[in-house]
Protein backbone atom coordinates (compact mmCIF):
# COMPACT_ATOMS: atom_id res chain seq x y z
CA MET A 1 0.11 0.14 0.03
CA LYS A 2 1.01 3.43 -0.39
CA LEU A 3 0.07 6.64 1.02
CA LYS A 4 -1.02 10.16 -0.99
CA MET A 5 -1.16 13.02 1.22
CA THR A 6 -1.87 16.43 0.02
CA GLY A 7 -2.43 20.07 1.41
CA HIS A 8 -0.40 20.12 4.72
CA GLU A 9 2.37 22.09 2.87
CA LYS A 10 0.17 25.24 2.25
CA THR A 11 -2.47 27.54 3.75
CA THR A 12 -5.11 29.95 2.11
CA MET A 13 -4.91 33.51 3.82
CA ARG A 14 -8.63 34.74 4.20
CA TYR A 15 -9.17 38.19 5.31
CA VAL A 16 -13.06 38.18 6.78
CA SER A 17 -15.36 40.17 8.80
CA ALA A 18 -15.38 39.74 12.70
CA GLU A 19 -18.73 38.11 12.27
CA GLU A 20 -17.19 35.11 9.95
CA LEU A 21 -14.07 34.95 12.20
CA LYS A 22 -16.27 34.27 14.92
CA ARG A 23 -17.88 31.72 13.24
CA VAL A 24 -15.00 29.46 12.45
CA SER A 25 -12.79 30.26 15.62
CA ASP A 26 -13.51 30.26 19.33
CA GLY A 27 -15.38 33.54 19.13
CA ASN A 28 -12.75 35.84 20.47
CA SER A 29 -9.90 35.91 17.77
CA MET A 30 -8.29 38.34 15.69
CA GLY A 31 -7.10 35.22 13.56
CA TYR A 32 -7.29 31.68 13.30
CA PHE A 33 -5.71 28.80 11.65
CA LYS A 34 -8.12 25.75 10.99
CA SER A 35 -7.25 22.32 9.33
CA ASP A 36 -9.72 20.48 7.68
CA ILE A 37 -8.55 16.64 7.20
CA ASP A 38 -10.13 13.91 5.25
CA TRP A 39 -8.95 10.75 4.63
CA ASN A 40 -9.86 7.29 2.98
CA ASP A 41 -7.83 4.25 3.95
CA SER A 42 -10.33 1.85 2.03
CA ALA A 43 -7.96 1.76 -1.06
CA ASP A 44 -4.63 1.98 -2.32
CA PRO A 45 -3.33 4.53 -2.12
CA ILE A 46 -4.47 5.62 1.15
CA VAL A 47 -5.50 9.22 0.37
CA VAL A 48 -5.16 12.07 3.08
CA THR A 49 -6.34 15.46 1.87
CA ILE A 50 -5.83 18.31 4.20
CA VAL A 51 -7.18 22.00 3.57
CA ASN A 52 -5.64 24.44 5.69
CA THR A 53 -7.08 28.08 6.14
CA THR A 54 -5.68 31.13 8.06
CA TYR A 55 -8.30 33.57 8.78
CA ILE A 56 -7.59 37.05 9.51
CA ASN A 57 -9.79 39.89 10.89
CA ARG A 58 -9.82 42.30 7.67
CA THR A 59 -10.15 45.40 9.76
CA LEU A 60 -6.86 44.91 11.22
CA THR A 61 -4.07 47.34 10.18
CA GLY A 62 -0.33 48.10 10.58
CA GLN A 63 1.38 46.31 13.48
CA LYS A 64 -1.57 44.64 14.89
CA LYS A 65 -2.24 43.15 11.37
CA ASN A 66 1.40 42.07 11.10
CA ASP A 67 1.47 40.45 14.72
CA VAL A 68 -1.83 38.53 14.12
CA GLU A 69 -0.65 37.27 10.72
CA ALA A 70 2.96 36.20 12.22
CA HIS A 71 0.86 34.38 15.22
CA GLU A 72 -1.13 32.41 12.88
CA LYS A 73 1.72 31.47 10.54
CA LYS A 74 3.42 30.05 13.55
CA HIS A 75 0.42 28.00 14.19
CA PHE A 76 0.71 26.81 10.32
CA ALA A 77 4.28 26.07 10.67
CA ASP A 78 3.78 23.97 13.82
CA PHE A 79 0.92 22.01 12.32
CA LYS A 80 2.96 21.37 8.76
CA GLY A 81 5.82 19.94 11.08
CA LEU A 82 3.49 17.59 12.54
CA ALA A 83 1.85 16.52 9.38
CA GLU A 84 5.15 15.96 7.85
CA GLN A 85 6.17 13.88 10.63
CA MET A 86 2.93 11.78 10.57
CA LYS A 87 3.38 11.12 6.73
CA LYS A 88 6.88 9.87 7.57
CA GLU A 89 5.65 7.63 9.99
CA ILE A 90 2.60 6.27 7.93
CA ASP A 91 5.09 5.77 4.97
CA ALA A 92 7.48 3.62 7.30
CA ALA A 93 4.50 1.51 8.83
CA LEU A 94 3.34 1.13 5.34
CA LYS A 95 6.69 0.31 4.06
CA ALA A 96 7.15 -2.44 7.00
CA GLY A 97 3.87 -3.94 6.33
CA ARG A 98 2.13 -2.80 9.40
CA ASP A 99 -1.55 -1.16 9.90
CA PRO A 100 -0.99 2.47 9.28
CA GLN A 101 -3.90 3.21 12.10
CA MET A 102 -5.28 5.91 10.42
CA GLN A 103 -7.83 6.84 12.88
CA ASP A 104 -5.39 6.80 15.69
CA ARG A 105 -2.84 8.73 13.84
CA MET A 106 -5.34 11.45 13.08
CA ASP A 107 -6.39 11.64 16.60
CA TRP A 108 -2.86 12.24 18.00
CA LEU A 109 -2.25 14.71 15.24
CA VAL A 110 -5.16 16.65 16.53
CA TYR A 111 -3.84 16.35 20.11
CA ASP A 112 -0.29 17.06 19.08
CA ARG A 113 -1.44 20.46 17.21
CA CYS A 114 -3.60 21.20 20.34
CA ARG A 115 -0.61 20.69 22.59
CA LYS A 116 1.68 22.91 20.48
CA SER A 117 -0.77 25.50 20.24
CA ALA A 118 -1.45 25.90 24.12
CA THR A 119 2.40 25.75 24.39
CA PHE A 120 2.78 28.74 22.10
CA HIS A 121 -0.18 30.54 23.74
CA ARG A 122 1.39 30.17 27.25
CA GLN A 123 4.13 31.97 25.97
CA THR A 124 2.40 34.80 24.34
CA ALA A 125 0.34 37.41 26.31
CA ASP A 126 -3.46 37.77 25.90
CA TYR A 127 -4.21 34.51 24.31
CA SER A 128 -6.23 31.90 25.56
CA VAL A 129 -4.71 28.07 26.24
CA GLU A 130 -6.47 25.25 24.76
CA ILE A 131 -7.39 22.34 26.97
CA CYS A 132 -6.50 19.32 25.02
CA PHE A 133 -7.76 15.53 25.49
CA GLN A 134 -5.06 13.05 24.93
CA PRO A 135 -6.48 10.11 22.66
CA SER A 136 -7.45 6.95 24.37
CA SER A 137 -5.42 4.77 21.81
CA THR A 138 -1.93 4.10 22.10
CA ARG A 139 0.16 6.32 20.01
CA PRO A 140 0.87 4.47 16.84
CA THR A 141 4.80 3.74 15.96
C-alpha cells in the first residue's frame, strides 16, 4: 500500500469580517488557523487531503495586523511540521507492512497540534490556552 497526502504544505489566507471569524474560531480571535482533514484508507493508495485556512480579521491594520499574521503563521508552521512527521511515520508503517492505524494517527495529530498551540499561547500574552484531550489509543509507531 501507498500513501497520497496533499495540502499539509500550504495554507490559504482569508481576510474576513469579525462575524465570519467568530463563526470559524473560538469567538474571541483576531485570527485563526484551521485545518480540515479528510482521509480514505479503504483503497490503495490511502488518500489524506488537508485543507488549511488562515483567517485574519480584515479590519486589522499596521503592526496589529502584522502581529496576528505572524501568530497564525506560527500555528501553521507547527501543524505543517506535525503533519510531515505523521506522513513519514505512515510511510514507514506501510513499508514495514504494518497497519497504518489512520484513525489513531489522526487523533494524535489533532492532540499534538492542540498541545503545540497551547504551549505557544502560554508564551504569548493575551491568548487563551486550549484544553487538550489525549486520545484513548496508544500512540502508533
